[in-house]
Amino acid sequence: MNYLAFDTLKMLEDLEEAGIEKKQAKAISQVIRQSHEAADVATKNDLKEATRELSAEIKAVDQRLSSQIKEVNQKLSSEIEAVDQRLSAEIKAVDQRLSTQIKEVDQKLSFEIAEVKRDVADLRKDMNIQFADVRKDMDIQFADVRKDMDIQFADVRKDMDIQFADVRKDMDAQFADFRKDMDAQFADVRKDMDIQFADVRKDFEIFGNKMLQKLTVILISTIGVSATIVGLVVKFV
């Protein structure tokens, strides 16, 4: 690898122009030069050569990886195709097996459903016969119950009619006694009312006579005044 030249004089002049003393500038220049000489600095040619080497290595790696990837893809494609074929065969076999089982189950269910329908039909017949017998028995029992109820209701009605007749007799007797008492009470009330009305009439007659007397006096006074007024009018006329 090549080394780059370091201009100590130029560095010293730049430091002095920046205001640094000559001794200090010289010391700084020497230190920088020593550190520069100790460093391994690459040139542009070194960088170009390194770039070419890296490009070649990258290209080689790319080609090697591409080849490996291609092989892996081919291998995976073959394996996937084999797996696909195997799965297709297995799925087809399972499909056929399931189709066969479904047909068998369907046939079995159809047979069982037919048997259930026959059992239900037989059960309905038996139930209809039993219901018919039960209805007959119930009709007979209801007829007997109705007869007994009719007899009991007839007896109850007779007893009720007798009881109501007795109650009516008692009520008629009680109402007759009540009417007698009410008639006697009304007779006494009427007597008292007649006496009170007689007294009221007397009071009204006395009051009426007094009012007639007052009205007569008022009429006489009115006639006298009217006659006087008429006389005065005639006199002045």
C-alpha atoms as a PDB file:
ATOM      1  CA  MET A   1       0.000   0.000   0.000  1.00  0.00           C
ATOM      2  CA  ASN A   2       1.324   3.498  -0.869  1.00  0.00           C
ATOM      3  CA  TYR A   3       1.808   6.434   1.531  1.00  0.00           C
ATOM      4  CA  LEU A   4       0.623  10.018   1.009  1.00  0.00           C
ATOM      5  CA  ALA A   5       3.244  12.850   1.326  1.00  0.00           C
ATOM      6  CA  PHE A   6       2.833  15.361   4.164  1.00  0.00           C
ATOM      7  CA  ASP A   7       3.904  19.033   3.585  1.00  0.00           C
ATOM      8  CA  THR A   8       5.429  20.065   6.925  1.00  0.00           C
ATOM      9  CA  LEU A   9       6.477  23.524   5.738  1.00  0.00           C
ATOM     10  CA  LYS A  10       3.018  24.360   4.468  1.00  0.00           C
ATOM     11  CA  MET A  11       1.540  23.177   7.786  1.00  0.00           C
ATOM     12  CA  LEU A  12       4.033  25.348   9.735  1.00  0.00           C
ATOM     13  CA  GLU A  13       3.185  28.463   7.693  1.00  0.00           C
ATOM     14  CA  ASP A  14      -0.547  27.914   8.164  1.00  0.00           C
ATOM     15  CA  LEU A  15      -0.151  27.616  11.932  1.00  0.00           C
ATOM     16  CA  GLU A  16       1.985  30.789  12.142  1.00  0.00           C
ATOM     17  CA  GLU A  17      -0.574  32.699  10.072  1.00  0.00           C
ATOM     18  CA  ALA A  18      -3.233  31.514  12.500  1.00  0.00           C
ATOM     19  CA  GLY A  19      -1.361  33.322  15.313  1.00  0.00           C
ATOM     20  CA  ILE A  20       0.493  30.385  16.865  1.00  0.00           C
ATOM     21  CA  GLU A  21       4.098  30.930  17.919  1.00  0.00           C
ATOM     22  CA  LYS A  22       6.819  29.437  15.740  1.00  0.00           C
ATOM     23  CA  LYS A  23       8.017  26.927  18.368  1.00  0.00           C
ATOM     24  CA  GLN A  24       4.522  25.704  19.082  1.00  0.00           C
ATOM     25  CA  ALA A  25       3.669  25.585  15.371  1.00  0.00           C
ATOM     26  CA  LYS A  26       6.837  23.586  14.665  1.00  0.00           C
ATOM     27  CA  ALA A  27       6.074  21.137  17.493  1.00  0.00           C
ATOM     28  CA  ILE A  28       2.509  20.665  16.275  1.00  0.00           C
ATOM     29  CA  SER A  29       3.710  20.094  12.681  1.00  0.00           C
ATOM     30  CA  GLN A  30       6.221  17.466  13.792  1.00  0.00           C
ATOM     31  CA  VAL A  31       3.626  15.629  15.877  1.00  0.00           C
ATOM     32  CA  ILE A  32       1.129  15.606  13.004  1.00  0.00           C
ATOM     33  CA  ARG A  33       3.800  14.432  10.563  1.00  0.00           C
ATOM     34  CA  GLN A  34       4.851  11.582  12.850  1.00  0.00           C
ATOM     35  CA  SER A  35       1.271  10.456  13.308  1.00  0.00           C
ATOM     36  CA  HIS A  36       0.696  10.724   9.557  1.00  0.00           C
ATOM     37  CA  GLU A  37       3.764   8.667   8.746  1.00  0.00           C
ATOM     38  CA  ALA A  38       2.726   6.047  11.299  1.00  0.00           C
ATOM     39  CA  ALA A  39      -0.752   5.695   9.748  1.00  0.00           C
ATOM     40  CA  ASP A  40      -1.335   3.274   6.853  1.00  0.00           C
ATOM     41  CA  VAL A  41      -3.428   5.388   4.426  1.00  0.00           C
ATOM     42  CA  ALA A  42      -4.906   3.861   1.263  1.00  0.00           C
ATOM     43  CA  THR A  43      -4.645   5.592  -2.098  1.00  0.00           C
ATOM     44  CA  LYS A  44      -7.317   5.819  -4.850  1.00  0.00           C
ATOM     45  CA  ASN A  45      -5.689   2.978  -6.742  1.00  0.00           C
ATOM     46  CA  ASP A  46      -5.803   0.832  -3.627  1.00  0.00           C
ATOM     47  CA  LEU A  47      -9.527   1.624  -3.269  1.00  0.00           C
ATOM     48  CA  LYS A  48     -10.226   0.814  -6.935  1.00  0.00           C
ATOM     49  CA  GLU A  49      -8.381  -2.482  -6.685  1.00  0.00           C
ATOM     50  CA  ALA A  50     -10.220  -3.362  -3.459  1.00  0.00           C
ATOM     51  CA  THR A  51     -13.526  -2.470  -5.139  1.00  0.00           C
ATOM     52  CA  ARG A  52     -12.737  -4.762  -8.094  1.00  0.00           C
ATOM     53  CA  GLU A  53     -11.834  -7.598  -5.747  1.00  0.00           C
ATOM     54  CA  LEU A  54     -15.035  -7.108  -3.741  1.00  0.00           C
ATOM     55  CA  SER A  55     -17.130  -6.963  -6.921  1.00  0.00           C
ATOM     56  CA  ALA A  56     -15.569 -10.210  -8.137  1.00  0.00           C
ATOM     57  CA  GLU A  57     -16.192 -11.897  -4.796  1.00  0.00           C
ATOM     58  CA  ILE A  58     -19.788 -10.575  -4.652  1.00  0.00           C
ATOM     59  CA  LYS A  59     -20.407 -11.795  -8.214  1.00  0.00           C
ATOM     60  CA  ALA A  60     -19.005 -15.207  -7.363  1.00  0.00           C
ATOM     61  CA  VAL A  61     -21.140 -15.403  -4.227  1.00  0.00           C
ATOM     62  CA  ASP A  62     -24.183 -14.245  -6.238  1.00  0.00           C
ATOM     63  CA  GLN A  63     -23.603 -16.913  -8.875  1.00  0.00           C
ATOM     64  CA  ARG A  64     -23.059 -19.576  -6.234  1.00  0.00           C
ATOM     65  CA  LEU A  65     -26.206 -18.509  -4.329  1.00  0.00           C
ATOM     66  CA  SER A  66     -28.235 -18.326  -7.550  1.00  0.00           C
ATOM     67  CA  SER A  67     -27.134 -21.849  -8.437  1.00  0.00           C
ATOM     68  CA  GLN A  68     -27.959 -23.116  -4.962  1.00  0.00           C
ATOM     69  CA  ILE A  69     -31.325 -21.324  -4.953  1.00  0.00           C
ATOM     70  CA  LYS A  70     -32.104 -22.796  -8.374  1.00  0.00           C
ATOM     71  CA  GLU A  71     -31.258 -26.266  -7.119  1.00  0.00           C
ATOM     72  CA  VAL A  72     -33.363 -25.716  -3.992  1.00  0.00           C
ATOM     73  CA  ASN A  73     -36.274 -24.432  -6.112  1.00  0.00           C
ATOM     74  CA  GLN A  74     -36.055 -27.445  -8.398  1.00  0.00           C
ATOM     75  CA  LYS A  75     -35.876 -29.769  -5.422  1.00  0.00           C
ATOM     76  CA  LEU A  76     -38.796 -28.016  -3.697  1.00  0.00           C
ATOM     77  CA  SER A  77     -40.821 -28.066  -6.917  1.00  0.00           C
ATOM     78  CA  SER A  78     -40.218 -31.803  -7.265  1.00  0.00           C
ATOM     79  CA  GLU A  79     -41.080 -32.425  -3.622  1.00  0.00           C
ATOM     80  CA  ILE A  80     -44.180 -30.174  -3.810  1.00  0.00           C
ATOM     81  CA  GLU A  81     -45.331 -31.935  -6.961  1.00  0.00           C
ATOM     82  CA  ALA A  82     -44.808 -35.309  -5.309  1.00  0.00           C
ATOM     83  CA  VAL A  83     -46.669 -34.168  -2.181  1.00  0.00           C
ATOM     84  CA  ASP A  84     -49.427 -32.695  -4.355  1.00  0.00           C
ATOM     85  CA  GLN A  85     -49.804 -35.969  -6.244  1.00  0.00           C
ATOM     86  CA  ARG A  86     -49.757 -37.966  -3.018  1.00  0.00           C
ATOM     87  CA  LEU A  87     -52.329 -35.630  -1.386  1.00  0.00           C
ATOM     88  CA  SER A  88     -54.513 -35.727  -4.498  1.00  0.00           C
ATOM     89  CA  ALA A  89     -54.446 -39.520  -4.428  1.00  0.00           C
ATOM     90  CA  GLU A  90     -55.196 -39.597  -0.699  1.00  0.00           C
ATOM     91  CA  ILE A  91     -58.011 -37.021  -1.056  1.00  0.00           C
ATOM     92  CA  LYS A  92     -59.491 -39.015  -3.938  1.00  0.00           C
ATOM     93  CA  ALA A  93     -59.326 -42.203  -1.885  1.00  0.00           C
ATOM     94  CA  VAL A  94     -60.894 -40.462   1.134  1.00  0.00           C
ATOM     95  CA  ASP A  95     -63.577 -38.962  -1.117  1.00  0.00           C
ATOM     96  CA  GLN A  96     -64.431 -42.363  -2.552  1.00  0.00           C
ATOM     97  CA  ARG A  97     -64.430 -43.938   0.902  1.00  0.00           C
ATOM     98  CA  LEU A  98     -66.651 -41.167   2.320  1.00  0.00           C
ATOM     99  CA  SER A  99     -69.003 -41.402  -0.667  1.00  0.00           C
ATOM    100  CA  THR A 100     -69.351 -45.132  -0.070  1.00  0.00           C
ATOM    101  CA  GLN A 101     -69.948 -44.612   3.653  1.00  0.00           C
ATOM    102  CA  ILE A 102     -72.478 -41.844   2.985  1.00  0.00           C
ATOM    103  CA  LYS A 103     -74.381 -44.099   0.583  1.00  0.00           C
ATOM    104  CA  GLU A 104     -74.398 -46.896   3.152  1.00  0.00           C
ATOM    105  CA  VAL A 105     -75.579 -44.515   5.903  1.00  0.00           C
ATOM    106  CA  ASP A 106     -78.217 -43.059   3.571  1.00  0.00           C
ATOM    107  CA  GLN A 107     -79.549 -46.515   2.749  1.00  0.00           C
ATOM    108  CA  LYS A 108     -79.529 -47.478   6.415  1.00  0.00           C
ATOM    109  CA  LEU A 109     -81.337 -44.275   7.417  1.00  0.00           C
ATOM    110  CA  SER A 110     -83.902 -44.754   4.657  1.00  0.00           C
ATOM    111  CA  PHE A 111     -84.591 -48.281   5.895  1.00  0.00           C
ATOM    112  CA  GLU A 112     -84.813 -47.140   9.524  1.00  0.00           C
ATOM    113  CA  ILE A 113     -87.083 -44.208   8.591  1.00  0.00           C
ATOM    114  CA  ALA A 114     -89.390 -46.594   6.734  1.00  0.00           C
ATOM    115  CA  GLU A 115     -89.511 -48.842   9.805  1.00  0.00           C
ATOM    116  CA  VAL A 116     -90.239 -45.852  12.059  1.00  0.00           C
ATOM    117  CA  LYS A 117     -93.058 -44.752   9.745  1.00  0.00           C
ATOM    118  CA  ARG A 118     -94.568 -48.240   9.884  1.00  0.00           C
ATOM    119  CA  ASP A 119     -94.261 -48.269  13.671  1.00  0.00           C
ATOM    120  CA  VAL A 120     -95.900 -44.842  13.891  1.00  0.00           C
ATOM    121  CA  ALA A 121     -98.751 -45.988  11.625  1.00  0.00           C
ATOM    122  CA  ASP A 122     -99.312 -49.090  13.771  1.00  0.00           C
ATOM    123  CA  LEU A 123     -99.136 -46.972  16.925  1.00  0.00           C
ATOM    124  CA  ARG A 124    -101.741 -44.576  15.516  1.00  0.00           C
ATOM    125  CA  LYS A 125    -104.074 -47.455  14.759  1.00  0.00           C
ATOM    126  CA  ASP A 126    -103.684 -48.795  18.290  1.00  0.00           C
ATOM    127  CA  MET A 127    -104.166 -45.311  19.766  1.00  0.00           C
ATOM    128  CA  ASN A 128    -107.306 -44.733  17.682  1.00  0.00           C
ATOM    129  CA  ILE A 129    -108.749 -48.051  18.863  1.00  0.00           C
ATOM    130  CA  GLN A 130    -107.862 -47.247  22.468  1.00  0.00           C
ATOM    131  CA  PHE A 131    -109.302 -43.733  22.203  1.00  0.00           C
ATOM    132  CA  ALA A 132    -112.509 -45.163  20.725  1.00  0.00           C
ATOM    133  CA  ASP A 133    -112.819 -47.603  23.635  1.00  0.00           C
ATOM    134  CA  VAL A 134    -112.046 -44.851  26.146  1.00  0.00           C
ATOM    135  CA  ARG A 135    -114.677 -42.603  24.556  1.00  0.00           C
ATOM    136  CA  LYS A 136    -117.281 -45.330  24.775  1.00  0.00           C
ATOM    137  CA  ASP A 137    -116.470 -45.915  28.432  1.00  0.00           C
ATOM    138  CA  MET A 138    -116.496 -42.172  29.127  1.00  0.00           C
ATOM    139  CA  ASP A 139    -119.832 -41.743  27.338  1.00  0.00           C
ATOM    140  CA  ILE A 140    -121.346 -44.541  29.428  1.00  0.00           C
ATOM    141  CA  GLN A 141    -119.896 -43.081  32.626  1.00  0.00           C
ATOM    142  CA  PHE A 142    -121.050 -39.567  31.747  1.00  0.00           C
ATOM    143  CA  ALA A 143    -124.534 -40.900  30.955  1.00  0.00           C
ATOM    144  CA  ASP A 144    -124.704 -42.603  34.363  1.00  0.00           C
ATOM    145  CA  VAL A 145    -123.361 -39.485  36.073  1.00  0.00           C
ATOM    146  CA  ARG A 146    -125.936 -37.339  34.275  1.00  0.00           C
ATOM    147  CA  LYS A 147    -128.750 -39.631  35.381  1.00  0.00           C
ATOM    148  CA  ASP A 148    -127.560 -39.477  38.974  1.00  0.00           C
ATOM    149  CA  MET A 149    -127.156 -35.707  38.745  1.00  0.00           C
ATOM    150  CA  ASP A 150    -130.635 -35.307  37.247  1.00  0.00           C
ATOM    151  CA  ILE A 151    -132.141 -37.358  40.082  1.00  0.00           C
ATOM    152  CA  GLN A 152    -130.178 -35.397  42.676  1.00  0.00           C
ATOM    153  CA  PHE A 153    -131.126 -32.070  41.091  1.00  0.00           C
ATOM    154  CA  ALA A 154    -134.789 -33.151  41.001  1.00  0.00           C
ATOM    155  CA  ASP A 155    -134.687 -33.993  44.709  1.00  0.00           C
ATOM    156  CA  VAL A 156    -132.870 -30.753  45.468  1.00  0.00           C
ATOM    157  CA  ARG A 157    -135.456 -28.790  43.476  1.00  0.00           C
ATOM    158  CA  LYS A 158    -138.290 -30.424  45.370  1.00  0.00           C
ATOM    159  CA  ASP A 159    -136.646 -29.595  48.669  1.00  0.00           C
ATOM    160  CA  MET A 160    -135.953 -26.055  47.492  1.00  0.00           C
ATOM    161  CA  ASP A 161    -139.547 -25.602  46.292  1.00  0.00           C
ATOM    162  CA  ILE A 162    -140.851 -26.752  49.669  1.00  0.00           C
ATOM    163  CA  GLN A 163    -138.424 -24.498  51.500  1.00  0.00           C
ATOM    164  CA  PHE A 164    -139.242 -21.533  49.244  1.00  0.00           C
ATOM    165  CA  ALA A 165    -142.979 -22.152  49.772  1.00  0.00           C
ATOM    166  CA  ASP A 166    -142.482 -22.120  53.550  1.00  0.00           C
ATOM    167  CA  VAL A 167    -140.324 -19.014  53.279  1.00  0.00           C
ATOM    168  CA  ARG A 168    -142.946 -17.292  51.135  1.00  0.00           C
ATOM    169  CA  LYS A 169    -145.648 -18.107  53.670  1.00  0.00           C
ATOM    170  CA  ASP A 170    -143.534 -16.687  56.453  1.00  0.00           C
ATOM    171  CA  MET A 171    -142.717 -13.619  54.345  1.00  0.00           C
ATOM    172  CA  ASP A 172    -146.381 -13.082  53.447  1.00  0.00           C
ATOM    173  CA  ALA A 173    -147.352 -13.291  57.112  1.00  0.00           C
ATOM    174  CA  GLN A 174    -144.554 -10.900  58.068  1.00  0.00           C
ATOM    175  CA  PHE A 175    -145.519  -8.461  55.285  1.00  0.00           C
ATOM    176  CA  ALA A 176    -149.191  -8.626  56.370  1.00  0.00           C
ATOM    177  CA  ASP A 177    -148.238  -7.758  59.938  1.00  0.00           C
ATOM    178  CA  PHE A 178    -145.901  -5.052  58.678  1.00  0.00           C
ATOM    179  CA  ARG A 179    -148.655  -3.560  56.505  1.00  0.00           C
ATOM    180  CA  LYS A 180    -151.044  -3.507  59.449  1.00  0.00           C
ATOM    181  CA  ASP A 181    -148.480  -1.696  61.545  1.00  0.00           C
ATOM    182  CA  MET A 182    -147.739   0.732  58.702  1.00  0.00           C
ATOM    183  CA  ASP A 183    -151.458   1.386  58.101  1.00  0.00           C
ATOM    184  CA  ALA A 184    -151.962   2.133  61.802  1.00  0.00           C
ATOM    185  CA  GLN A 185    -148.903   4.407  61.815  1.00  0.00           C
ATOM    186  CA  PHE A 186    -150.067   6.184  58.622  1.00  0.00           C
ATOM    187  CA  ALA A 187    -153.543   6.672  60.181  1.00  0.00           C
ATOM    188  CA  ASP A 188    -151.989   8.293  63.243  1.00  0.00           C
ATOM    189  CA  VAL A 189    -149.746  10.453  61.030  1.00  0.00           C
ATOM    190  CA  ARG A 190    -152.747  11.541  58.958  1.00  0.00           C
ATOM    191  CA  LYS A 191    -154.653  12.523  62.062  1.00  0.00           C
ATOM    192  CA  ASP A 192    -151.729  14.588  63.261  1.00  0.00           C
ATOM    193  CA  MET A 193    -151.344  16.154  59.800  1.00  0.00           C
ATOM    194  CA  ASP A 194    -155.077  17.010  59.634  1.00  0.00           C
ATOM    195  CA  ILE A 195    -154.880  18.718  63.020  1.00  0.00           C
ATOM    196  CA  GLN A 196    -151.736  20.623  61.951  1.00  0.00           C
ATOM    197  CA  PHE A 197    -153.291  21.612  58.596  1.00  0.00           C
ATOM    198  CA  ALA A 198    -156.457  22.837  60.421  1.00  0.00           C
ATOM    199  CA  ASP A 199    -154.342  25.046  62.655  1.00  0.00           C
ATOM    200  CA  VAL A 200    -152.404  26.337  59.645  1.00  0.00           C
ATOM    201  CA  ARG A 201    -155.646  27.129  57.814  1.00  0.00           C
ATOM    202  CA  LYS A 202    -156.922  29.084  60.796  1.00  0.00           C
ATOM    203  CA  ASP A 203    -153.692  31.063  60.921  1.00  0.00           C
ATOM    204  CA  PHE A 204    -153.900  31.769  57.163  1.00  0.00           C
ATOM    205  CA  GLU A 205    -157.556  32.892  57.492  1.00  0.00           C
ATOM    206  CA  ILE A 206    -156.682  35.267  60.326  1.00  0.00           C
ATOM    207  CA  PHE A 207    -153.683  36.588  58.357  1.00  0.00           C
ATOM    208  CA  GLY A 208    -155.852  36.964  55.230  1.00  0.00           C
ATOM    209  CA  ASN A 209    -158.531  38.890  57.085  1.00  0.00           C
ATOM    210  CA  LYS A 210    -155.916  41.223  58.483  1.00  0.00           C
ATOM    211  CA  MET A 211    -154.432  41.779  55.026  1.00  0.00           C
ATOM    212  CA  LEU A 212    -157.924  42.482  53.573  1.00  0.00           C
ATOM    213  CA  GLN A 213    -158.573  45.055  56.238  1.00  0.00           C
ATOM    214  CA  LYS A 214    -155.266  46.774  55.507  1.00  0.00           C
ATOM    215  CA  LEU A 215    -155.934  46.716  51.758  1.00  0.00           C
ATOM    216  CA  THR A 216    -159.433  48.198  52.318  1.00  0.00           C
ATOM    217  CA  VAL A 217    -158.030  51.086  54.321  1.00  0.00           C
ATOM    218  CA  ILE A 218    -155.358  51.670  51.655  1.00  0.00           C
ATOM    219  CA  LEU A 219    -157.981  51.634  48.864  1.00  0.00           C
ATOM    220  CA  ILE A 220    -160.244  54.066  50.727  1.00  0.00           C
ATOM    221  CA  SER A 221    -157.329  56.406  51.325  1.00  0.00           C
ATOM    222  CA  THR A 222    -156.312  56.161  47.670  1.00  0.00           C
ATOM    223  CA  ILE A 223    -159.882  56.902  46.506  1.00  0.00           C
ATOM    224  CA  GLY A 224    -160.081  59.952  48.805  1.00  0.00           C
ATOM    225  CA  VAL A 225    -156.819  61.338  47.501  1.00  0.00           C
ATOM    226  CA  SER A 226    -157.891  60.725  43.918  1.00  0.00           C
ATOM    227  CA  ALA A 227    -161.201  62.532  44.490  1.00  0.00           C
ATOM    228  CA  THR A 228    -159.429  65.521  46.012  1.00  0.00           C
ATOM    229  CA  ILE A 229    -157.028  65.699  43.073  1.00  0.00           C
ATOM    230  CA  VAL A 230    -159.932  65.527  40.597  1.00  0.00           C
ATOM    231  CA  GLY A 231    -161.778  68.301  42.459  1.00  0.00           C
ATOM    232  CA  LEU A 232    -158.777  70.548  42.373  1.00  0.00           C
ATOM    233  CA  VAL A 233    -158.249  69.921  38.701  1.00  0.00           C
ATOM    234  CA  VAL A 234    -161.886  70.753  37.905  1.00  0.00           C
ATOM    235  CA  LYS A 235    -161.747  73.864  40.047  1.00  0.00           C
ATOM    236  CA  PHE A 236    -158.735  75.294  38.322  1.00  0.00           C
ATOM    237  CA  VAL A 237    -159.972  74.386  34.878  1.00  0.00           C
END
